[in-house]
């Protein structure tokens, strides 16, 4: 039995993400979108109709095919990687 979905739900609840996911027409940024938990959050947000910006150090690992998904390369520990 795997506990990853439960862990993702716990983390999303702990971070206050469920309130954002419950609202309509949101754009959600998910850091670590190519990871296990980040991927679960990305999929859940897309299923609920939200636009998702998925941030990953390795955007080639982002295999999501969805009109509302935008992959972005970035590293949460490197502020310069997020300058436009």
Protein backbone atom coordinates (compact mmCIF):
# COMPACT_ATOMS: atom_id res chain seq x y z
CA UNK A 1 0.00 0.00 0.00
CA UNK A 2 1.32 3.44 -0.89
CA UNK A 3 0.90 6.52 1.25
CA UNK A 4 1.91 9.11 -1.37
CA UNK A 5 -1.65 10.31 -2.13
CA UNK A 6 -2.26 10.73 1.59
CA UNK A 7 1.03 12.57 1.99
CA UNK A 8 0.17 14.88 -0.91
CA UNK A 9 -3.24 15.62 0.60
CA UNK A 10 -1.64 16.26 3.99
CA UNK A 11 0.92 18.64 2.50
CA UNK A 12 -1.66 20.45 0.39
CA UNK A 13 -3.89 20.89 3.44
CA UNK A 14 -0.98 21.98 5.61
CA UNK A 15 0.07 24.59 3.07
CA UNK A 16 -3.45 25.92 2.62
CA UNK A 17 -3.61 24.70 -0.98
CA UNK A 18 -7.06 23.16 -0.65
CA UNK A 19 -8.68 26.57 -0.29
CA UNK A 20 -7.00 27.75 -3.50
CA UNK A 21 -7.93 24.55 -5.31
CA UNK A 22 -11.56 24.94 -4.28
CA UNK A 23 -11.90 28.33 -5.98
CA UNK A 24 -12.54 28.54 -9.70
CA UNK A 25 -10.38 30.19 -12.36
CA UNK A 26 -7.14 30.07 -10.41
CA UNK A 27 -3.62 30.00 -11.76
CA UNK A 28 -1.53 27.81 -9.49
CA UNK A 29 2.27 27.64 -9.43
CA UNK A 30 3.64 24.27 -8.33
CA UNK A 31 7.32 24.11 -7.43
CA UNK A 32 8.78 20.63 -7.81
CA UNK A 33 6.14 19.76 -10.39
CA UNK A 34 8.21 16.90 -11.81
CA UNK A 35 8.40 15.16 -8.44
CA UNK A 36 5.96 12.65 -7.00
CA UNK A 37 3.99 14.96 -4.73
CA UNK A 38 4.24 17.95 -7.06
CA UNK A 39 2.94 15.80 -9.91
CA UNK A 40 -0.06 14.74 -7.84
CA UNK A 41 -0.86 18.37 -7.04
CA UNK A 42 -0.49 19.37 -10.71
CA UNK A 43 -2.87 16.63 -11.85
CA UNK A 44 -5.44 17.43 -9.17
CA UNK A 45 -5.40 21.14 -10.01
CA UNK A 46 -5.78 20.44 -13.74
CA UNK A 47 -8.66 18.03 -13.07
CA UNK A 48 -10.39 20.82 -11.16
CA UNK A 49 -10.05 23.14 -14.16
CA UNK A 50 -7.24 25.39 -12.98
CA UNK A 51 -4.32 26.72 -15.01
CA UNK A 52 -1.04 25.34 -13.67
CA UNK A 53 2.50 26.62 -14.02
CA UNK A 54 4.80 23.71 -13.24
CA UNK A 55 8.28 24.70 -12.07
CA UNK A 56 11.08 22.16 -12.21
CA UNK A 57 14.87 22.16 -12.34
CA UNK A 58 14.46 19.59 -15.15
CA UNK A 59 11.52 20.69 -17.31
CA UNK A 60 12.14 17.78 -19.68
CA UNK A 61 10.80 15.55 -16.88
CA UNK A 62 7.46 17.40 -17.01
CA UNK A 63 5.42 15.09 -19.22
CA UNK A 64 2.01 16.68 -18.64
CA UNK A 65 0.06 17.17 -21.87
CA UNK A 66 -2.72 19.64 -21.05
CA UNK A 67 -3.83 22.96 -22.53
CA UNK A 68 -3.83 24.60 -19.08
CA UNK A 69 -0.30 23.46 -18.15
CA UNK A 70 2.79 25.60 -18.65
CA UNK A 71 6.20 24.06 -17.86
CA UNK A 72 8.88 26.42 -16.56
CA UNK A 73 12.51 25.77 -15.67
CA UNK A 74 13.51 27.10 -12.27
CA UNK A 75 15.14 26.24 -8.99
CA UNK A 76 13.45 27.36 -5.79
CA UNK A 77 16.88 27.79 -4.16
CA UNK A 78 18.06 30.13 -6.96
CA UNK A 79 16.13 33.42 -7.07
CA UNK A 80 17.87 34.44 -10.30
CA UNK A 81 16.27 31.49 -12.12
CA UNK A 82 12.88 33.23 -11.78
CA UNK A 83 13.73 36.62 -13.24
CA UNK A 84 11.88 37.28 -16.47
